[in-house]
Amino acid sequence: ATLQLNARVNELRAQGQDIISLGAGEPDFDTPLH
C-alpha cells in the first residue's frame, strides 16, 4: 500500500500538483557525505 501511494503521488506531481506526502517510509535526509 505504501509503495502504491508513492507511485500515485509521483504521478500527480508529474501533472503539476503540489502534493505533500506524509506517506514516506524513509528519511528525507541525504546519506551522509563520508
All heavy atoms as atom14 arrays in JSON, in Angstrom:
{
  "sequence": "ATLQLNARVNELRAQGQDIISLGAGEPDFDTPLH",
  "atom14_mask": [
    [1, 1, 1, 1, 1, 0, 0, 0, 0, 0, 0, 0, 0, 0],
    [1, 1, 1, 1, 1, 1, 1, 0, 0, 0, 0, 0, 0, 0],
    [1, 1, 1, 1, 1, 1, 1, 1, 0, 0, 0, 0, 0, 0],
    [1, 1, 1, 1, 1, 1, 1, 1, 1, 0, 0, 0, 0, 0],
    [1, 1, 1, 1, 1, 1, 1, 1, 0, 0, 0, 0, 0, 0],
    [1, 1, 1, 1, 1, 1, 1, 1, 0, 0, 0, 0, 0, 0],
    [1, 1, 1, 1, 1, 0, 0, 0, 0, 0, 0, 0, 0, 0],
    [1, 1, 1, 1, 1, 1, 1, 1, 1, 1, 1, 0, 0, 0],
    [1, 1, 1, 1, 1, 1, 1, 0, 0, 0, 0, 0, 0, 0],
    [1, 1, 1, 1, 1, 1, 1, 1, 0, 0, 0, 0, 0, 0],
    [1, 1, 1, 1, 1, 1, 1, 1, 1, 0, 0, 0, 0, 0],
    [1, 1, 1, 1, 1, 1, 1, 1, 0, 0, 0, 0, 0, 0],
    [1, 1, 1, 1, 1, 1, 1, 1, 1, 1, 1, 0, 0, 0],
    [1, 1, 1, 1, 1, 0, 0, 0, 0, 0, 0, 0, 0, 0],
    [1, 1, 1, 1, 1, 1, 1, 1, 1, 0, 0, 0, 0, 0],
    [1, 1, 1, 1, 0, 0, 0, 0, 0, 0, 0, 0, 0, 0],
    [1, 1, 1, 1, 1, 1, 1, 1, 1, 0, 0, 0, 0, 0],
    [1, 1, 1, 1, 1, 1, 1, 1, 0, 0, 0, 0, 0, 0],
    [1, 1, 1, 1, 1, 1, 1, 1, 0, 0, 0, 0, 0, 0],
    [1, 1, 1, 1, 1, 1, 1, 1, 0, 0, 0, 0, 0, 0],
    [1, 1, 1, 1, 1, 1, 0, 0, 0, 0, 0, 0, 0, 0],
    [1, 1, 1, 1, 1, 1, 1, 1, 0, 0, 0, 0, 0, 0],
    [1, 1, 1, 1, 0, 0, 0, 0, 0, 0, 0, 0, 0, 0],
    [1, 1, 1, 1, 1, 0, 0, 0, 0, 0, 0, 0, 0, 0],
    [1, 1, 1, 1, 0, 0, 0, 0, 0, 0, 0, 0, 0, 0],
    [1, 1, 1, 1, 1, 1, 1, 1, 1, 0, 0, 0, 0, 0],
    [1, 1, 1, 1, 1, 1, 1, 0, 0, 0, 0, 0, 0, 0],
    [1, 1, 1, 1, 1, 1, 1, 1, 0, 0, 0, 0, 0, 0],
    [1, 1, 1, 1, 1, 1, 1, 1, 1, 1, 1, 0, 0, 0],
    [1, 1, 1, 1, 1, 1, 1, 1, 0, 0, 0, 0, 0, 0],
    [1, 1, 1, 1, 1, 1, 1, 0, 0, 0, 0, 0, 0, 0],
    [1, 1, 1, 1, 1, 1, 1, 0, 0, 0, 0, 0, 0, 0],
    [1, 1, 1, 1, 1, 1, 1, 1, 0, 0, 0, 0, 0, 0],
    [1, 1, 1, 1, 1, 1, 1, 1, 1, 1, 0, 0, 0, 0]
  ],
  "atom14_positions": [
    [[0.83, -1.21, 0.0], [0.0, 0.0, 0.0], [0.86, 1.25, 0.0], [0.51, 2.26, -0.64], [-0.93, -0.01, 1.21], [0.0, 0.0, 0.0], [0.0, 0.0, 0.0], [0.0, 0.0, 0.0], [0.0, 0.0, 0.0], [0.0, 0.0, 0.0], [0.0, 0.0, 0.0], [0.0, 0.0, 0.0], [0.0, 0.0, 0.0], [0.0, 0.0, 0.0]],
    [[1.97, 1.21, 0.71], [2.81, 2.4, 0.79], [3.51, 2.67, -0.54], [3.64, 3.82, -0.96], [3.85, 2.25, 1.92], [4.51, 0.99, 1.79], [3.17, 2.3, 3.28], [0.0, 0.0, 0.0], [0.0, 0.0, 0.0], [0.0, 0.0, 0.0], [0.0, 0.0, 0.0], [0.0, 0.0, 0.0], [0.0, 0.0, 0.0], [0.0, 0.0, 0.0]],
    [[3.97, 1.62, -1.2], [4.63, 1.81, -2.5], [3.62, 2.26, -3.55], [3.94, 3.07, -4.43], [5.34, 0.53, -2.93], [6.52, 0.1, -2.05], [7.18, -1.16, -2.61], [7.55, 1.23, -1.93], [0.0, 0.0, 0.0], [0.0, 0.0, 0.0], [0.0, 0.0, 0.0], [0.0, 0.0, 0.0], [0.0, 0.0, 0.0], [0.0, 0.0, 0.0]],
    [[2.4, 1.75, -3.49], [1.35, 2.2, -4.41], [1.06, 3.68, -4.2], [0.88, 4.43, -5.17], [0.07, 1.37, -4.2], [0.12, -0.02, -4.8], [-1.23, -0.73, -4.67], [-1.85, -0.73, -3.61], [-1.7, -1.31, -5.74], [0.0, 0.0, 0.0], [0.0, 0.0, 0.0], [0.0, 0.0, 0.0], [0.0, 0.0, 0.0], [0.0, 0.0, 0.0]],
    [[1.0, 4.1, -2.95], [0.74, 5.51, -2.65], [1.85, 6.38, -3.21], [1.59, 7.42, -3.83], [0.62, 5.71, -1.14], [0.46, 7.16, -0.68], [-0.88, 7.73, -1.14], [0.57, 7.26, 0.84], [0.0, 0.0, 0.0], [0.0, 0.0, 0.0], [0.0, 0.0, 0.0], [0.0, 0.0, 0.0], [0.0, 0.0, 0.0], [0.0, 0.0, 0.0]],
    [[3.1, 5.96, -3.0], [4.23, 6.74, -3.51], [4.16, 6.9, -5.02], [4.45, 7.97, -5.57], [5.55, 6.08, -3.12], [5.83, 6.19, -1.63], [5.22, 6.99, -0.94], [6.73, 5.36, -1.14], [0.0, 0.0, 0.0], [0.0, 0.0, 0.0], [0.0, 0.0, 0.0], [0.0, 0.0, 0.0], [0.0, 0.0, 0.0], [0.0, 0.0, 0.0]],
    [[3.76, 5.81, -5.71], [3.65, 5.87, -7.17], [2.57, 6.86, -7.6], [2.75, 7.64, -8.54], [3.34, 4.48, -7.72], [0.0, 0.0, 0.0], [0.0, 0.0, 0.0], [0.0, 0.0, 0.0], [0.0, 0.0, 0.0], [0.0, 0.0, 0.0], [0.0, 0.0, 0.0], [0.0, 0.0, 0.0], [0.0, 0.0, 0.0], [0.0, 0.0, 0.0]],
    [[1.44, 6.87, -6.88], [0.34, 7.79, -7.22], [0.75, 9.24, -6.96], [0.44, 10.13, -7.76], [-0.9, 7.43, -6.39], [-2.11, 8.34, -6.65], [-2.49, 8.36, -8.12], [-3.65, 9.2, -8.36], [-3.96, 9.73, -9.53], [-3.18, 9.51, -10.6], [-5.03, 10.48, -9.69], [0.0, 0.0, 0.0], [0.0, 0.0, 0.0], [0.0, 0.0, 0.0]],
    [[1.46, 9.47, -5.86], [1.95, 10.82, -5.55], [2.86, 11.32, -6.66], [2.76, 12.47, -7.11], [2.68, 10.83, -4.19], [3.45, 12.14, -4.0], [1.69, 10.65, -3.05], [0.0, 0.0, 0.0], [0.0, 0.0, 0.0], [0.0, 0.0, 0.0], [0.0, 0.0, 0.0], [0.0, 0.0, 0.0], [0.0, 0.0, 0.0], [0.0, 0.0, 0.0]],
    [[3.75, 10.47, -7.12], [4.66, 10.86, -8.2], [3.91, 11.18, -9.48], [4.29, 12.11, -10.21], [5.69, 9.75, -8.44], [6.69, 9.64, -7.3], [6.93, 10.6, -6.59], [7.26, 8.46, -7.12], [0.0, 0.0, 0.0], [0.0, 0.0, 0.0], [0.0, 0.0, 0.0], [0.0, 0.0, 0.0], [0.0, 0.0, 0.0], [0.0, 0.0, 0.0]],
    [[2.85, 10.44, -9.77], [2.03, 10.71, -10.96], [1.39, 12.09, -10.86], [1.41, 12.87, -11.82], [0.94, 9.65, -11.1], [1.44, 8.27, -11.52], [0.3, 7.26, -11.55], [-0.87, 7.66, -11.33], [0.58, 6.07, -11.8], [0.0, 0.0, 0.0], [0.0, 0.0, 0.0], [0.0, 0.0, 0.0], [0.0, 0.0, 0.0], [0.0, 0.0, 0.0]],
    [[0.81, 12.41, -9.7], [0.14, 13.69, -9.52], [1.13, 14.85, -9.56], [0.84, 15.91, -10.11], [-0.64, 13.69, -8.21], [-1.82, 12.72, -8.13], [-2.43, 12.71, -6.74], [-2.89, 13.09, -9.17], [0.0, 0.0, 0.0], [0.0, 0.0, 0.0], [0.0, 0.0, 0.0], [0.0, 0.0, 0.0], [0.0, 0.0, 0.0], [0.0, 0.0, 0.0]],
    [[2.3, 14.64, -8.99], [3.32, 15.68, -9.05], [3.77, 15.92, -10.48], [4.04, 17.07, -10.87], [4.5, 15.29, -8.17], [4.23, 15.46, -6.67], [5.37, 14.91, -5.83], [5.18, 15.21, -4.41], [5.89, 14.65, -3.42], [6.84, 13.76, -3.73], [5.66, 14.98, -2.17], [0.0, 0.0, 0.0], [0.0, 0.0, 0.0], [0.0, 0.0, 0.0]],
    [[3.85, 14.85, -11.26], [4.24, 15.0, -12.66], [3.2, 15.8, -13.44], [3.53, 16.42, -14.46], [4.43, 13.62, -13.29], [0.0, 0.0, 0.0], [0.0, 0.0, 0.0], [0.0, 0.0, 0.0], [0.0, 0.0, 0.0], [0.0, 0.0, 0.0], [0.0, 0.0, 0.0], [0.0, 0.0, 0.0], [0.0, 0.0, 0.0], [0.0, 0.0, 0.0]],
    [[1.96, 15.79, -12.94], [0.89, 16.57, -13.57], [0.86, 18.01, -13.07], [0.01, 18.79, -13.47], [-0.46, 15.9, -13.28], [-0.6, 14.5, -13.88], [-1.84, 13.78, -13.38], [-2.72, 14.39, -12.77], [-1.91, 12.48, -13.64], [0.0, 0.0, 0.0], [0.0, 0.0, 0.0], [0.0, 0.0, 0.0], [0.0, 0.0, 0.0], [0.0, 0.0, 0.0]],
    [[1.79, 18.35, -12.19], [1.9, 19.73, -11.71], [1.22, 20.01, -10.38], [1.19, 21.16, -9.94], [0.0, 0.0, 0.0], [0.0, 0.0, 0.0], [0.0, 0.0, 0.0], [0.0, 0.0, 0.0], [0.0, 0.0, 0.0], [0.0, 0.0, 0.0], [0.0, 0.0, 0.0], [0.0, 0.0, 0.0], [0.0, 0.0, 0.0], [0.0, 0.0, 0.0]],
    [[0.67, 18.99, -9.73], [0.01, 19.22, -8.45], [1.03, 19.28, -7.31], [1.99, 18.51, -7.28], [-1.01, 18.11, -8.18], [-2.17, 18.09, -9.16], [-3.31, 17.21, -8.67], [-3.62, 17.18, -7.48], [-3.92, 16.47, -9.59], [0.0, 0.0, 0.0], [0.0, 0.0, 0.0], [0.0, 0.0, 0.0], [0.0, 0.0, 0.0], [0.0, 0.0, 0.0]],
    [[0.79, 20.17, -6.37], [1.67, 20.34, -5.21], [1.22, 19.4, -4.1], [0.52, 19.8, -3.16], [1.64, 21.79, -4.73], [2.52, 22.0, -3.5], [3.49, 21.24, -3.33], [2.22, 22.92, -2.72], [0.0, 0.0, 0.0], [0.0, 0.0, 0.0], [0.0, 0.0, 0.0], [0.0, 0.0, 0.0], [0.0, 0.0, 0.0], [0.0, 0.0, 0.0]],
    [[1.6, 18.14, -4.21], [1.22, 17.13, -3.23], [2.26, 17.08, -2.12], [3.46, 17.0, -2.38], [1.1, 15.73, -3.88], [0.15, 15.77, -5.09], [0.66, 14.7, -2.85], [-1.27, 16.08, -4.74], [0.0, 0.0, 0.0], [0.0, 0.0, 0.0], [0.0, 0.0, 0.0], [0.0, 0.0, 0.0], [0.0, 0.0, 0.0], [0.0, 0.0, 0.0]],
    [[1.79, 17.14, -0.88], [2.67, 16.92, 0.27], [2.46, 15.49, 0.73], [1.35, 15.13, 1.15], [2.38, 17.9, 1.41], [2.56, 19.34, 0.96], [3.32, 17.6, 2.6], [2.25, 20.36, 2.04], [0.0, 0.0, 0.0], [0.0, 0.0, 0.0], [0.0, 0.0, 0.0], [0.0, 0.0, 0.0], [0.0, 0.0, 0.0], [0.0, 0.0, 0.0]],
    [[3.47, 14.67, 0.63], [3.35, 13.27, 1.02], [3.73, 13.08, 2.47], [4.85, 13.39, 2.88], [4.22, 12.38, 0.13], [4.1, 11.03, 0.56], [0.0, 0.0, 0.0], [0.0, 0.0, 0.0], [0.0, 0.0, 0.0], [0.0, 0.0, 0.0], [0.0, 0.0, 0.0], [0.0, 0.0, 0.0], [0.0, 0.0, 0.0], [0.0, 0.0, 0.0]],
    [[2.78, 12.56, 3.23], [3.03, 12.14, 4.61], [3.06, 10.62, 4.67], [2.82, 10.02, 5.72], [1.94, 12.69, 5.54], [1.79, 14.21, 5.55], [0.63, 14.63, 6.46], [3.07, 14.88, 6.0], [0.0, 0.0, 0.0], [0.0, 0.0, 0.0], [0.0, 0.0, 0.0], [0.0, 0.0, 0.0], [0.0, 0.0, 0.0], [0.0, 0.0, 0.0]],
    [[3.36, 10.01, 3.53], [3.39, 8.55, 3.47], [4.8, 7.98, 3.43], [4.97, 6.77, 3.37], [0.0, 0.0, 0.0], [0.0, 0.0, 0.0], [0.0, 0.0, 0.0], [0.0, 0.0, 0.0], [0.0, 0.0, 0.0], [0.0, 0.0, 0.0], [0.0, 0.0, 0.0], [0.0, 0.0, 0.0], [0.0, 0.0, 0.0], [0.0, 0.0, 0.0]],
    [[5.8, 8.84, 3.47], [7.17, 8.39, 3.27], [7.62, 7.44, 4.37], [7.43, 7.71, 5.55], [8.12, 9.58, 3.22], [0.0, 0.0, 0.0], [0.0, 0.0, 0.0], [0.0, 0.0, 0.0], [0.0, 0.0, 0.0], [0.0, 0.0, 0.0], [0.0, 0.0, 0.0], [0.0, 0.0, 0.0], [0.0, 0.0, 0.0], [0.0, 0.0, 0.0]],
    [[8.24, 6.34, 3.94], [8.82, 5.39, 4.88], [10.33, 5.49, 4.89], [11.02, 4.52, 5.17], [0.0, 0.0, 0.0], [0.0, 0.0, 0.0], [0.0, 0.0, 0.0], [0.0, 0.0, 0.0], [0.0, 0.0, 0.0], [0.0, 0.0, 0.0], [0.0, 0.0, 0.0], [0.0, 0.0, 0.0], [0.0, 0.0, 0.0], [0.0, 0.0, 0.0]],
    [[10.83, 6.67, 4.57], [12.28, 6.85, 4.53], [12.66, 8.24, 5.0], [11.88, 9.19, 4.86], [12.84, 6.6, 3.13], [12.35, 7.58, 2.07], [12.98, 7.32, 0.71], [14.05, 6.69, 0.66], [12.39, 7.74, -0.29], [0.0, 0.0, 0.0], [0.0, 0.0, 0.0], [0.0, 0.0, 0.0], [0.0, 0.0, 0.0], [0.0, 0.0, 0.0]],
    [[13.85, 8.38, 5.59], [14.3, 9.71, 6.0], [14.4, 10.63, 4.79], [14.68, 10.19, 3.67], [15.69, 9.45, 6.6], [15.69, 8.0, 6.97], [14.83, 7.33, 5.94], [0.0, 0.0, 0.0], [0.0, 0.0, 0.0], [0.0, 0.0, 0.0], [0.0, 0.0, 0.0], [0.0, 0.0, 0.0], [0.0, 0.0, 0.0], [0.0, 0.0, 0.0]],
    [[14.17, 11.92, 5.02], [14.28, 12.9, 3.94], [15.69, 13.48, 3.87], [15.95, 14.35, 3.05], [13.26, 14.03, 4.12], [13.41, 14.74, 5.47], [13.57, 14.04, 6.48], [13.36, 15.98, 5.51], [0.0, 0.0, 0.0], [0.0, 0.0, 0.0], [0.0, 0.0, 0.0], [0.0, 0.0, 0.0], [0.0, 0.0, 0.0], [0.0, 0.0, 0.0]],
    [[16.6, 12.97, 4.69], [17.99, 13.43, 4.67], [18.78, 12.7, 3.6], [18.46, 11.56, 3.24], [18.64, 13.19, 6.03], [17.97, 13.89, 7.17], [17.11, 13.2, 8.02], [18.18, 15.24, 7.4], [16.48, 13.84, 9.07], [17.56, 15.89, 8.45], [16.7, 15.19, 9.28], [0.0, 0.0, 0.0], [0.0, 0.0, 0.0], [0.0, 0.0, 0.0]],
    [[19.82, 13.34, 3.1], [20.76, 12.66, 2.22], [21.65, 11.73, 3.03], [21.92, 11.98, 4.21], [21.65, 13.68, 1.49], [20.88, 14.51, 0.47], [19.88, 14.0, -0.07], [21.27, 15.68, 0.25], [0.0, 0.0, 0.0], [0.0, 0.0, 0.0], [0.0, 0.0, 0.0], [0.0, 0.0, 0.0], [0.0, 0.0, 0.0], [0.0, 0.0, 0.0]],
    [[22.11, 10.66, 2.39], [23.12, 9.82, 3.03], [24.33, 10.68, 3.38], [24.79, 11.46, 2.55], [23.55, 8.68, 2.09], [22.41, 7.92, 1.7], [24.56, 7.76, 2.77], [0.0, 0.0, 0.0], [0.0, 0.0, 0.0], [0.0, 0.0, 0.0], [0.0, 0.0, 0.0], [0.0, 0.0, 0.0], [0.0, 0.0, 0.0], [0.0, 0.0, 0.0]],
    [[24.85, 10.59, 4.61], [25.99, 11.42, 5.0], [27.15, 11.32, 4.02], [27.41, 10.26, 3.43], [26.37, 10.87, 6.37], [25.06, 10.36, 6.93], [24.34, 9.79, 5.75], [0.0, 0.0, 0.0], [0.0, 0.0, 0.0], [0.0, 0.0, 0.0], [0.0, 0.0, 0.0], [0.0, 0.0, 0.0], [0.0, 0.0, 0.0], [0.0, 0.0, 0.0]],
    [[27.84, 12.44, 3.85], [28.86, 12.56, 2.82], [29.98, 11.55, 2.98], [30.45, 10.98, 1.99], [29.45, 13.99, 2.85], [30.52, 14.3, 1.79], [29.97, 14.1, 0.39], [31.04, 15.73, 1.97], [0.0, 0.0, 0.0], [0.0, 0.0, 0.0], [0.0, 0.0, 0.0], [0.0, 0.0, 0.0], [0.0, 0.0, 0.0], [0.0, 0.0, 0.0]],
    [[30.43, 11.29, 4.21], [31.55, 10.37, 4.36], [31.19, 8.95, 3.94], [32.04, 8.19, 3.48], [32.08, 10.39, 5.81], [31.14, 9.84, 6.84], [30.03, 10.52, 7.27], [31.16, 8.67, 7.54], [29.4, 9.8, 8.2], [30.08, 8.68, 8.37], [0.0, 0.0, 0.0], [0.0, 0.0, 0.0], [0.0, 0.0, 0.0], [0.0, 0.0, 0.0]]
  ]
}
